[in-house]
Amino acid sequence: MNQRFISRATWLGAACLASCASAPQPAVPSAEPAAPHELLAPFAKLVGGTWTAAFNAEIYDEQSFSWVFGGRFLRNRHQVRTTKDGQIVYEGETIYAVDPTTNQLVWWYWNATGGHIVGTARWEDEVCLFEGDNHGAPGQTQRVRSTLAFDADGWTSSIWYLAADGSWQLRNTRAYRRAR
């Protein structure tokens, strides 16, 4: 290539970068929501805390909630840990949002096995009902349901799976309490 062309292209690229860098940047929204959407607002009581529930004497689930992008989304991170030394044996993350085209609560869950669930949710009084399609390994249930019900000490979660015969089977119920 022509050395003069390379020099001009380099100068033009540098000038373009300099003008972009000096251009006014849009304001970044606050990490704290002014007011989350009414469908996300009930989760506010969980934000900022760490919540735990025992699976059994050997492992427990630890969950934390935080607002994302100024309250437009809610993040829920969870880690299943051993009670002996706190080692993480499984983990996942859920993002909740409101679909602006349907005004419906939606969620996406990803986990350490590489699977994910995509679903919807709705509030009935103080209980949030979740349902989703599982995109996990072969042999896993294809659909899941769960609830989140607030109580005086925290919240309770119940999880169902769709059995091969088409019926919903309760897998477990756990009471989450604030650990910190």
N, C-alpha and C. Protein backbone atom coordinates (compact mmCIF):
# COMPACT_ATOMS: atom_id res chain seq x y z
N MET A 1 0.83 -1.19 0.00
CA MET A 1 0.00 0.00 0.00
C MET A 1 0.87 1.24 0.00
N ASN A 2 0.33 2.29 -0.47
CA ASN A 2 0.99 3.57 -0.56
C ASN A 2 1.21 4.13 0.85
N GLN A 3 2.44 4.53 1.17
CA GLN A 3 2.78 5.05 2.50
C GLN A 3 1.99 6.32 2.81
N ARG A 4 1.79 7.17 1.78
CA ARG A 4 1.03 8.42 1.97
C ARG A 4 -0.41 8.09 2.37
N PHE A 5 -1.03 7.05 1.72
CA PHE A 5 -2.41 6.65 2.04
C PHE A 5 -2.50 6.16 3.48
N ILE A 6 -1.53 5.35 3.91
CA ILE A 6 -1.53 4.82 5.28
C ILE A 6 -1.41 5.96 6.27
N SER A 7 -0.55 6.94 6.01
CA SER A 7 -0.39 8.08 6.91
C SER A 7 -1.69 8.88 7.03
N ARG A 8 -2.34 9.14 5.87
CA ARG A 8 -3.59 9.89 5.90
C ARG A 8 -4.68 9.11 6.63
N ALA A 9 -4.75 7.79 6.39
CA ALA A 9 -5.77 6.96 7.06
C ALA A 9 -5.53 6.94 8.56
N THR A 10 -4.27 6.86 8.97
CA THR A 10 -3.94 6.86 10.39
C THR A 10 -4.32 8.20 11.01
N TRP A 11 -3.99 9.30 10.33
CA TRP A 11 -4.34 10.62 10.85
C TRP A 11 -5.85 10.78 10.94
N LEU A 12 -6.57 10.35 9.89
CA LEU A 12 -8.03 10.48 9.88
C LEU A 12 -8.65 9.65 11.01
N GLY A 13 -8.15 8.44 11.23
CA GLY A 13 -8.65 7.59 12.32
C GLY A 13 -8.41 8.24 13.67
N ALA A 14 -7.22 8.80 13.88
CA ALA A 14 -6.90 9.45 15.15
C ALA A 14 -7.78 10.67 15.36
N ALA A 15 -8.02 11.45 14.29
CA ALA A 15 -8.88 12.63 14.41
C ALA A 15 -10.31 12.23 14.76
N CYS A 16 -10.78 11.16 14.14
CA CYS A 16 -12.14 10.69 14.42
C CYS A 16 -12.25 10.24 15.87
N LEU A 17 -11.27 9.49 16.35
CA LEU A 17 -11.29 9.05 17.75
C LEU A 17 -11.25 10.23 18.70
N ALA A 18 -10.44 11.22 18.40
CA ALA A 18 -10.34 12.39 19.27
C ALA A 18 -11.66 13.14 19.32
N SER A 19 -12.33 13.27 18.18
CA SER A 19 -13.61 14.00 18.18
C SER A 19 -14.68 13.21 18.93
N CYS A 20 -14.65 11.88 18.82
CA CYS A 20 -15.62 11.06 19.56
C CYS A 20 -15.37 11.15 21.06
N ALA A 21 -14.12 11.15 21.45
CA ALA A 21 -13.78 11.21 22.87
C ALA A 21 -14.18 12.54 23.50
N SER A 22 -14.14 13.62 22.69
CA SER A 22 -14.48 14.92 23.26
C SER A 22 -15.96 15.25 23.14
N ALA A 23 -16.72 14.40 22.44
CA ALA A 23 -18.17 14.65 22.29
C ALA A 23 -18.86 14.47 23.63
N PRO A 24 -19.90 15.25 23.89
CA PRO A 24 -20.63 15.08 25.16
C PRO A 24 -21.20 13.67 25.26
N GLN A 25 -21.08 13.08 26.44
CA GLN A 25 -21.58 11.74 26.67
C GLN A 25 -22.94 11.82 27.37
N PRO A 26 -23.86 10.89 27.04
CA PRO A 26 -25.15 10.91 27.72
C PRO A 26 -24.99 10.59 29.20
N ALA A 27 -25.89 11.09 29.99
CA ALA A 27 -25.85 10.84 31.44
C ALA A 27 -26.09 9.36 31.70
N VAL A 28 -25.36 8.80 32.66
CA VAL A 28 -25.53 7.41 33.06
C VAL A 28 -26.57 7.37 34.16
N PRO A 29 -27.60 6.52 34.01
CA PRO A 29 -28.63 6.47 35.05
C PRO A 29 -28.05 6.01 36.38
N SER A 30 -28.66 6.44 37.44
CA SER A 30 -28.25 6.07 38.78
C SER A 30 -28.42 4.57 38.99
N ALA A 31 -27.55 3.98 39.83
CA ALA A 31 -27.68 2.57 40.16
C ALA A 31 -28.90 2.32 41.03
N GLU A 32 -29.33 3.31 41.74
CA GLU A 32 -30.52 3.19 42.59
C GLU A 32 -31.74 3.66 41.81
N PRO A 33 -32.81 2.90 41.87
CA PRO A 33 -33.99 3.30 41.11
C PRO A 33 -34.68 4.51 41.71
N ALA A 34 -35.16 5.39 40.84
CA ALA A 34 -36.02 6.47 41.32
C ALA A 34 -37.28 5.81 41.87
N ALA A 35 -37.82 4.90 41.12
CA ALA A 35 -38.95 4.07 41.54
C ALA A 35 -39.04 2.91 40.56
N PRO A 36 -38.81 1.69 41.04
CA PRO A 36 -38.90 0.56 40.11
C PRO A 36 -40.33 0.40 39.61
N HIS A 37 -40.48 -0.28 38.52
CA HIS A 37 -41.80 -0.56 37.96
C HIS A 37 -42.66 -1.23 39.03
N GLU A 38 -43.96 -0.97 39.01
CA GLU A 38 -44.85 -1.51 40.04
C GLU A 38 -44.80 -3.03 40.13
N LEU A 39 -44.49 -3.73 39.04
CA LEU A 39 -44.39 -5.18 39.10
C LEU A 39 -43.08 -5.66 39.74
N LEU A 40 -42.06 -4.81 39.71
CA LEU A 40 -40.79 -5.13 40.38
C LEU A 40 -40.74 -4.60 41.81
N ALA A 41 -41.54 -3.60 42.11
CA ALA A 41 -41.49 -2.92 43.41
C ALA A 41 -41.63 -3.86 44.62
N PRO A 42 -42.47 -4.89 44.60
CA PRO A 42 -42.56 -5.76 45.77
C PRO A 42 -41.25 -6.45 46.15
N PHE A 43 -40.35 -6.62 45.19
CA PHE A 43 -39.06 -7.25 45.47
C PHE A 43 -38.13 -6.33 46.27
N ALA A 44 -38.46 -5.05 46.38
CA ALA A 44 -37.57 -4.08 47.04
C ALA A 44 -37.18 -4.52 48.44
N LYS A 45 -38.07 -5.19 49.15
CA LYS A 45 -37.76 -5.63 50.52
C LYS A 45 -36.65 -6.68 50.56
N LEU A 46 -36.31 -7.27 49.42
CA LEU A 46 -35.24 -8.27 49.37
C LEU A 46 -33.89 -7.67 48.97
N VAL A 47 -33.93 -6.49 48.35
CA VAL A 47 -32.73 -5.87 47.81
C VAL A 47 -31.78 -5.44 48.93
N GLY A 48 -30.51 -5.74 48.72
CA GLY A 48 -29.47 -5.32 49.66
C GLY A 48 -29.16 -6.34 50.75
N GLY A 49 -29.95 -7.37 50.86
CA GLY A 49 -29.71 -8.39 51.88
C GLY A 49 -29.19 -9.68 51.28
N THR A 50 -28.71 -10.53 52.15
CA THR A 50 -28.33 -11.89 51.77
C THR A 50 -29.29 -12.82 52.50
N TRP A 51 -29.93 -13.70 51.76
CA TRP A 51 -30.98 -14.57 52.27
C TRP A 51 -30.53 -16.02 52.14
N THR A 52 -30.75 -16.83 53.20
CA THR A 52 -30.33 -18.22 53.15
C THR A 52 -31.48 -19.16 53.52
N ALA A 53 -31.42 -20.36 52.97
CA ALA A 53 -32.37 -21.43 53.29
C ALA A 53 -31.63 -22.76 53.19
N ALA A 54 -31.89 -23.64 54.14
CA ALA A 54 -31.24 -24.95 54.14
C ALA A 54 -31.91 -25.89 53.15
N PHE A 55 -31.07 -26.62 52.40
CA PHE A 55 -31.57 -27.73 51.59
C PHE A 55 -31.70 -28.94 52.51
N ASN A 56 -30.64 -29.12 53.30
CA ASN A 56 -30.57 -30.20 54.28
C ASN A 56 -29.44 -29.84 55.24
N ALA A 57 -28.98 -30.77 56.06
CA ALA A 57 -27.92 -30.47 57.03
C ALA A 57 -26.57 -30.22 56.39
N GLU A 58 -26.42 -30.58 55.11
CA GLU A 58 -25.12 -30.48 54.46
C GLU A 58 -24.97 -29.34 53.48
N ILE A 59 -26.06 -28.82 52.92
CA ILE A 59 -25.97 -27.73 51.96
C ILE A 59 -27.09 -26.71 52.19
N TYR A 60 -26.81 -25.48 51.77
CA TYR A 60 -27.80 -24.40 51.88
C TYR A 60 -27.70 -23.51 50.65
N ASP A 61 -28.77 -22.76 50.42
CA ASP A 61 -28.84 -21.82 49.31
C ASP A 61 -28.68 -20.41 49.86
N GLU A 62 -27.87 -19.60 49.19
CA GLU A 62 -27.65 -18.21 49.58
C GLU A 62 -28.03 -17.33 48.39
N GLN A 63 -28.95 -16.38 48.62
CA GLN A 63 -29.42 -15.53 47.53
C GLN A 63 -29.28 -14.06 47.90
N SER A 64 -28.99 -13.25 46.88
CA SER A 64 -28.92 -11.80 47.07
C SER A 64 -29.61 -11.14 45.88
N PHE A 65 -30.20 -9.98 46.14
CA PHE A 65 -30.95 -9.25 45.13
C PHE A 65 -30.37 -7.84 45.01
N SER A 66 -30.32 -7.32 43.77
CA SER A 66 -29.85 -5.95 43.55
C SER A 66 -30.53 -5.38 42.32
N TRP A 67 -30.73 -4.07 42.35
CA TRP A 67 -31.29 -3.38 41.19
C TRP A 67 -30.21 -3.26 40.13
N VAL A 68 -30.62 -3.30 38.88
CA VAL A 68 -29.72 -3.15 37.74
C VAL A 68 -30.28 -2.06 36.84
N PHE A 69 -29.40 -1.23 36.31
CA PHE A 69 -29.78 -0.16 35.39
C PHE A 69 -30.90 0.71 35.96
N GLY A 70 -30.64 1.22 37.15
CA GLY A 70 -31.56 2.18 37.75
C GLY A 70 -32.92 1.63 38.09
N GLY A 71 -33.00 0.35 38.41
CA GLY A 71 -34.27 -0.24 38.81
C GLY A 71 -35.11 -0.76 37.67
N ARG A 72 -34.56 -0.71 36.47
CA ARG A 72 -35.31 -1.24 35.33
C ARG A 72 -35.31 -2.76 35.32
N PHE A 73 -34.29 -3.34 36.00
CA PHE A 73 -34.16 -4.78 36.11
C PHE A 73 -33.80 -5.12 37.55
N LEU A 74 -34.04 -6.37 37.91
CA LEU A 74 -33.65 -6.87 39.23
C LEU A 74 -32.80 -8.11 39.04
N ARG A 75 -31.66 -8.16 39.70
CA ARG A 75 -30.76 -9.31 39.62
C ARG A 75 -30.90 -10.12 40.90
N ASN A 76 -30.98 -11.43 40.74
CA ASN A 76 -30.99 -12.37 41.86
C ASN A 76 -29.88 -13.38 41.62
N ARG A 77 -28.86 -13.33 42.46
CA ARG A 77 -27.76 -14.29 42.36
C ARG A 77 -27.92 -15.31 43.47
N HIS A 78 -27.70 -16.57 43.13
CA HIS A 78 -27.76 -17.58 44.20
C HIS A 78 -26.60 -18.56 44.08
N GLN A 79 -26.18 -19.04 45.24
CA GLN A 79 -25.11 -20.01 45.33
C GLN A 79 -25.51 -21.08 46.33
N VAL A 80 -25.40 -22.32 45.91
CA VAL A 80 -25.63 -23.44 46.81
C VAL A 80 -24.27 -23.79 47.40
N ARG A 81 -24.21 -23.81 48.73
CA ARG A 81 -22.93 -23.99 49.44
C ARG A 81 -23.00 -25.15 50.42
N THR A 82 -21.83 -25.68 50.74
CA THR A 82 -21.77 -26.72 51.76
C THR A 82 -21.76 -26.05 53.13
N THR A 83 -22.39 -26.68 54.11
CA THR A 83 -22.40 -26.12 55.47
C THR A 83 -21.04 -26.33 56.15
N LYS A 84 -20.29 -27.32 55.72
CA LYS A 84 -19.00 -27.62 56.33
C LYS A 84 -17.98 -26.51 56.12
N ASP A 85 -17.81 -26.08 54.85
CA ASP A 85 -16.77 -25.08 54.57
C ASP A 85 -17.23 -23.95 53.65
N GLY A 86 -18.51 -23.91 53.31
CA GLY A 86 -19.03 -22.84 52.47
C GLY A 86 -18.66 -22.95 51.01
N GLN A 87 -18.13 -24.09 50.58
CA GLN A 87 -17.75 -24.28 49.18
C GLN A 87 -18.99 -24.21 48.29
N ILE A 88 -18.85 -23.51 47.16
CA ILE A 88 -19.94 -23.39 46.20
C ILE A 88 -20.00 -24.68 45.38
N VAL A 89 -21.19 -25.32 45.37
CA VAL A 89 -21.37 -26.55 44.60
C VAL A 89 -22.29 -26.35 43.39
N TYR A 90 -22.97 -25.21 43.34
CA TYR A 90 -23.88 -24.89 42.24
C TYR A 90 -24.21 -23.41 42.36
N GLU A 91 -24.43 -22.75 41.23
CA GLU A 91 -24.83 -21.35 41.29
C GLU A 91 -25.59 -20.95 40.04
N GLY A 92 -26.32 -19.87 40.16
CA GLY A 92 -27.09 -19.36 39.04
C GLY A 92 -27.46 -17.91 39.25
N GLU A 93 -28.04 -17.32 38.23
CA GLU A 93 -28.43 -15.92 38.30
C GLU A 93 -29.73 -15.72 37.52
N THR A 94 -30.62 -14.92 38.09
CA THR A 94 -31.88 -14.59 37.45
C THR A 94 -31.95 -13.08 37.26
N ILE A 95 -32.44 -12.66 36.11
CA ILE A 95 -32.73 -11.26 35.86
C ILE A 95 -34.24 -11.14 35.63
N TYR A 96 -34.87 -10.24 36.38
CA TYR A 96 -36.30 -9.97 36.26
C TYR A 96 -36.48 -8.61 35.59
N ALA A 97 -37.51 -8.49 34.77
CA ALA A 97 -37.81 -7.24 34.09
C ALA A 97 -39.30 -7.19 33.79
N VAL A 98 -39.73 -6.05 33.29
CA VAL A 98 -41.10 -5.92 32.81
C VAL A 98 -41.02 -5.75 31.30
N ASP A 99 -41.71 -6.61 30.58
CA ASP A 99 -41.75 -6.52 29.12
C ASP A 99 -42.63 -5.33 28.77
N PRO A 100 -42.05 -4.28 28.16
CA PRO A 100 -42.83 -3.08 27.87
C PRO A 100 -43.93 -3.29 26.83
N THR A 101 -43.83 -4.34 26.03
CA THR A 101 -44.86 -4.56 25.01
C THR A 101 -46.08 -5.27 25.57
N THR A 102 -45.91 -6.02 26.67
CA THR A 102 -47.04 -6.75 27.26
C THR A 102 -47.35 -6.32 28.68
N ASN A 103 -46.47 -5.50 29.28
CA ASN A 103 -46.58 -5.10 30.69
C ASN A 103 -46.64 -6.34 31.59
N GLN A 104 -45.83 -7.34 31.25
CA GLN A 104 -45.79 -8.58 32.01
C GLN A 104 -44.41 -8.76 32.62
N LEU A 105 -44.39 -9.31 33.83
CA LEU A 105 -43.13 -9.62 34.49
C LEU A 105 -42.51 -10.83 33.78
N VAL A 106 -41.24 -10.68 33.37
CA VAL A 106 -40.52 -11.74 32.67
C VAL A 106 -39.21 -12.00 33.39
N TRP A 107 -38.63 -13.17 33.17
CA TRP A 107 -37.36 -13.51 33.83
C TRP A 107 -36.54 -14.48 33.00
N TRP A 108 -35.23 -14.43 33.24
CA TRP A 108 -34.26 -15.30 32.59
C TRP A 108 -33.34 -15.83 33.68
N TYR A 109 -33.15 -17.13 33.71
CA TYR A 109 -32.27 -17.77 34.70
C TYR A 109 -31.17 -18.54 33.97
N TRP A 110 -29.93 -18.34 34.39
CA TRP A 110 -28.79 -19.07 33.85
C TRP A 110 -28.12 -19.77 35.02
N ASN A 111 -27.56 -20.97 34.77
CA ASN A 111 -26.89 -21.67 35.86
C ASN A 111 -25.54 -22.22 35.43
N ALA A 112 -24.80 -22.69 36.41
CA ALA A 112 -23.42 -23.13 36.20
C ALA A 112 -23.31 -24.37 35.32
N THR A 113 -24.42 -25.08 35.09
CA THR A 113 -24.36 -26.26 34.22
C THR A 113 -24.47 -25.89 32.75
N GLY A 114 -24.74 -24.61 32.48
CA GLY A 114 -24.91 -24.15 31.10
C GLY A 114 -26.36 -24.10 30.67
N GLY A 115 -27.26 -24.51 31.53
CA GLY A 115 -28.68 -24.45 31.22
C GLY A 115 -29.26 -23.08 31.50
N HIS A 116 -30.46 -22.86 30.98
CA HIS A 116 -31.15 -21.61 31.29
C HIS A 116 -32.65 -21.84 31.21
N ILE A 117 -33.38 -20.97 31.89
CA ILE A 117 -34.84 -21.01 31.90
C ILE A 117 -35.33 -19.62 31.52
N VAL A 118 -36.36 -19.57 30.70
CA VAL A 118 -36.98 -18.32 30.29
C VAL A 118 -38.44 -18.40 30.71
N GLY A 119 -38.91 -17.36 31.42
CA GLY A 119 -40.27 -17.47 31.91
C GLY A 119 -40.99 -16.15 32.13
N THR A 120 -42.18 -16.29 32.65
CA THR A 120 -43.03 -15.16 33.00
C THR A 120 -43.46 -15.32 34.45
N ALA A 121 -43.98 -14.24 35.02
CA ALA A 121 -44.43 -14.28 36.41
C ALA A 121 -45.59 -13.32 36.58
N ARG A 122 -46.33 -13.53 37.65
CA ARG A 122 -47.42 -12.63 37.97
C ARG A 122 -47.61 -12.61 39.48
N TRP A 123 -48.08 -11.48 39.97
CA TRP A 123 -48.35 -11.31 41.40
C TRP A 123 -49.80 -11.62 41.69
N GLU A 124 -50.03 -12.37 42.75
CA GLU A 124 -51.36 -12.57 43.32
C GLU A 124 -51.22 -12.23 44.80
N ASP A 125 -51.65 -11.02 45.15
CA ASP A 125 -51.46 -10.48 46.50
C ASP A 125 -49.97 -10.44 46.83
N GLU A 126 -49.54 -11.09 47.89
CA GLU A 126 -48.12 -11.07 48.31
C GLU A 126 -47.34 -12.26 47.77
N VAL A 127 -47.89 -12.97 46.81
CA VAL A 127 -47.24 -14.16 46.26
C VAL A 127 -46.94 -13.92 44.78
N CYS A 128 -45.70 -14.21 44.39
CA CYS A 128 -45.33 -14.13 42.98
C CYS A 128 -45.28 -15.55 42.44
N LEU A 129 -45.99 -15.78 41.33
CA LEU A 129 -46.06 -17.10 40.70
C LEU A 129 -45.22 -17.07 39.42
N PHE A 130 -44.26 -17.98 39.34
CA PHE A 130 -43.33 -18.04 38.21
C PHE A 130 -43.59 -19.31 37.40
N GLU A 131 -43.42 -19.21 36.10
CA GLU A 131 -43.47 -20.39 35.25
C GLU A 131 -42.48 -20.17 34.12
N GLY A 132 -41.75 -21.25 33.76
CA GLY A 132 -40.75 -21.09 32.73
C GLY A 132 -40.45 -22.35 31.97
N ASP A 133 -39.82 -22.16 30.81
CA ASP A 133 -39.38 -23.26 29.96
C ASP A 133 -37.89 -23.49 30.20
N ASN A 134 -37.56 -24.73 30.55
CA ASN A 134 -36.18 -25.10 30.85
C ASN A 134 -35.44 -25.47 29.57
N HIS A 135 -34.28 -24.88 29.39
CA HIS A 135 -33.41 -25.18 28.26
C HIS A 135 -32.14 -25.82 28.83
N GLY A 136 -32.33 -26.95 29.51
CA GLY A 136 -31.22 -27.64 30.17
C GLY A 136 -30.87 -28.93 29.47
N ALA A 137 -30.09 -29.71 30.16
CA ALA A 137 -29.61 -30.98 29.61
C ALA A 137 -30.77 -31.95 29.39
N PRO A 138 -30.61 -32.89 28.45
CA PRO A 138 -31.64 -33.90 28.24
C PRO A 138 -31.95 -34.62 29.55
N GLY A 139 -33.22 -34.95 29.74
CA GLY A 139 -33.62 -35.64 30.96
C GLY A 139 -34.13 -34.71 32.04
N GLN A 140 -33.86 -33.41 31.92
CA GLN A 140 -34.38 -32.45 32.89
C GLN A 140 -35.82 -32.11 32.54
N THR A 141 -36.58 -31.70 33.55
CA THR A 141 -37.95 -31.29 33.31
C THR A 141 -37.98 -30.14 32.31
N GLN A 142 -38.96 -30.13 31.45
CA GLN A 142 -39.05 -29.10 30.42
C GLN A 142 -39.69 -27.81 30.91
N ARG A 143 -40.54 -27.90 31.92
CA ARG A 143 -41.22 -26.71 32.45
C ARG A 143 -41.08 -26.72 33.97
N VAL A 144 -40.97 -25.52 34.52
CA VAL A 144 -40.88 -25.38 35.97
C VAL A 144 -41.88 -24.33 36.45
N ARG A 145 -42.28 -24.46 37.68
CA ARG A 145 -43.12 -23.48 38.36
C ARG A 145 -42.53 -23.25 39.74
N SER A 146 -42.67 -22.04 40.21
CA SER A 146 -42.24 -21.75 41.58
C SER A 146 -43.05 -20.58 42.11
N THR A 147 -42.99 -20.42 43.41
CA THR A 147 -43.65 -19.29 44.07
C THR A 147 -42.66 -18.60 44.99
N LEU A 148 -42.89 -17.35 45.22
CA LEU A 148 -42.17 -16.58 46.22
C LEU A 148 -43.25 -15.91 47.05
N ALA A 149 -43.33 -16.28 48.33
CA ALA A 149 -44.35 -15.74 49.22
C ALA A 149 -43.67 -15.06 50.40
N PHE A 150 -43.99 -13.80 50.61
CA PHE A 150 -43.41 -13.06 51.73
C PHE A 150 -44.08 -13.48 53.03
N ASP A 151 -43.29 -13.49 54.10
CA ASP A 151 -43.82 -13.72 55.44
C ASP A 151 -43.13 -12.76 56.39
N ALA A 152 -43.46 -12.81 57.65
CA ALA A 152 -42.93 -11.85 58.63
C ALA A 152 -41.41 -11.91 58.77
N ASP A 153 -40.82 -13.08 58.54
CA ASP A 153 -39.38 -13.26 58.76
C ASP A 153 -38.55 -13.28 57.48
N GLY A 154 -39.18 -13.22 56.32
CA GLY A 154 -38.45 -13.28 55.06
C GLY A 154 -39.37 -13.69 53.94
N TRP A 155 -39.07 -14.84 53.33
CA TRP A 155 -39.88 -15.33 52.23
C TRP A 155 -39.73 -16.84 52.09
N THR A 156 -40.72 -17.43 51.46
CA THR A 156 -40.73 -18.87 51.25
C THR A 156 -40.83 -19.13 49.76
N SER A 157 -40.09 -20.12 49.30
CA SER A 157 -40.11 -20.50 47.89
C SER A 157 -40.52 -21.96 47.79
N SER A 158 -41.44 -22.24 46.88
CA SER A 158 -41.83 -23.61 46.56
C SER A 158 -41.57 -23.82 45.08
N ILE A 159 -41.07 -25.03 44.75
CA ILE A 159 -40.72 -25.33 43.37
C ILE A 159 -41.44 -26.61 42.94
N TRP A 160 -42.05 -26.55 41.74
CA TRP A 160 -42.71 -27.71 41.14
C TRP A 160 -42.03 -28.03 39.84
N TYR A 161 -42.14 -29.28 39.43
CA TYR A 161 -41.66 -29.66 38.10
C TYR A 161 -42.76 -30.43 37.39
N LEU A 162 -42.70 -30.42 36.08
CA LEU A 162 -43.68 -31.11 35.26
C LEU A 162 -43.24 -32.56 35.09
N ALA A 163 -44.00 -33.48 35.63
CA ALA A 163 -43.67 -34.90 35.56
C ALA A 163 -43.97 -35.45 34.16
N ALA A 164 -43.44 -36.63 33.88
CA ALA A 164 -43.64 -37.27 32.58
C ALA A 164 -45.11 -37.51 32.27
N ASP A 165 -45.93 -37.70 33.30
CA ASP A 165 -47.36 -37.95 33.08
C ASP A 165 -48.15 -36.65 32.87
N GLY A 166 -47.45 -35.50 32.87
CA GLY A 166 -48.12 -34.22 32.64
C GLY A 166 -48.64 -33.53 33.89
N SER A 167 -48.43 -34.14 35.05
CA SER A 167 -48.88 -33.52 36.30
C SER A 167 -47.76 -32.69 36.92
N TRP A 168 -48.15 -31.70 37.71
CA TRP A 168 -47.17 -30.89 38.42
C TRP A 168 -46.90 -31.54 39.77
N GLN A 169 -45.60 -31.73 40.08
CA GLN A 169 -45.18 -32.37 41.33
C GLN A 169 -44.37 -31.38 42.16
N LEU A 170 -44.72 -31.24 43.44
CA LEU A 170 -43.97 -30.36 44.33
C LEU A 170 -42.61 -30.98 44.60
N ARG A 171 -41.56 -30.23 44.32
CA ARG A 171 -40.20 -30.72 44.55
C ARG A 171 -39.73 -30.36 45.96
N ASN A 172 -39.92 -29.09 46.35
CA ASN A 172 -39.49 -28.66 47.69
C ASN A 172 -40.07 -27.31 48.03
N THR A 173 -40.01 -27.00 49.32
CA THR A 173 -40.37 -25.68 49.84
C THR A 173 -39.27 -25.28 50.81
N ARG A 174 -38.79 -24.05 50.66
CA ARG A 174 -37.71 -23.56 51.54
C ARG A 174 -38.08 -22.19 52.11
N ALA A 175 -37.74 -22.00 53.38
CA ALA A 175 -37.94 -20.71 54.05
C ALA A 175 -36.62 -19.96 54.06
N TYR A 176 -36.59 -18.79 53.41
CA TYR A 176 -35.38 -17.96 53.36
C TYR A 176 -35.44 -16.92 54.45
N ARG A 177 -34.33 -16.77 55.15
CA ARG A 177 -34.22 -15.78 56.22
C ARG A 177 -33.01 -14.90 55.96
N ARG A 178 -33.10 -13.67 56.41
CA ARG A 178 -31.99 -12.73 56.18
C ARG A 178 -30.79 -13.14 57.01
N ALA A 179 -29.67 -13.34 56.32
CA ALA A 179 -28.42 -13.73 57.00
C ALA A 179 -27.56 -12.49 57.28
N ARG A 180 -27.66 -11.51 56.41
CA ARG A 180 -26.92 -10.23 56.60
C ARG A 180 -27.50 -9.18 55.68
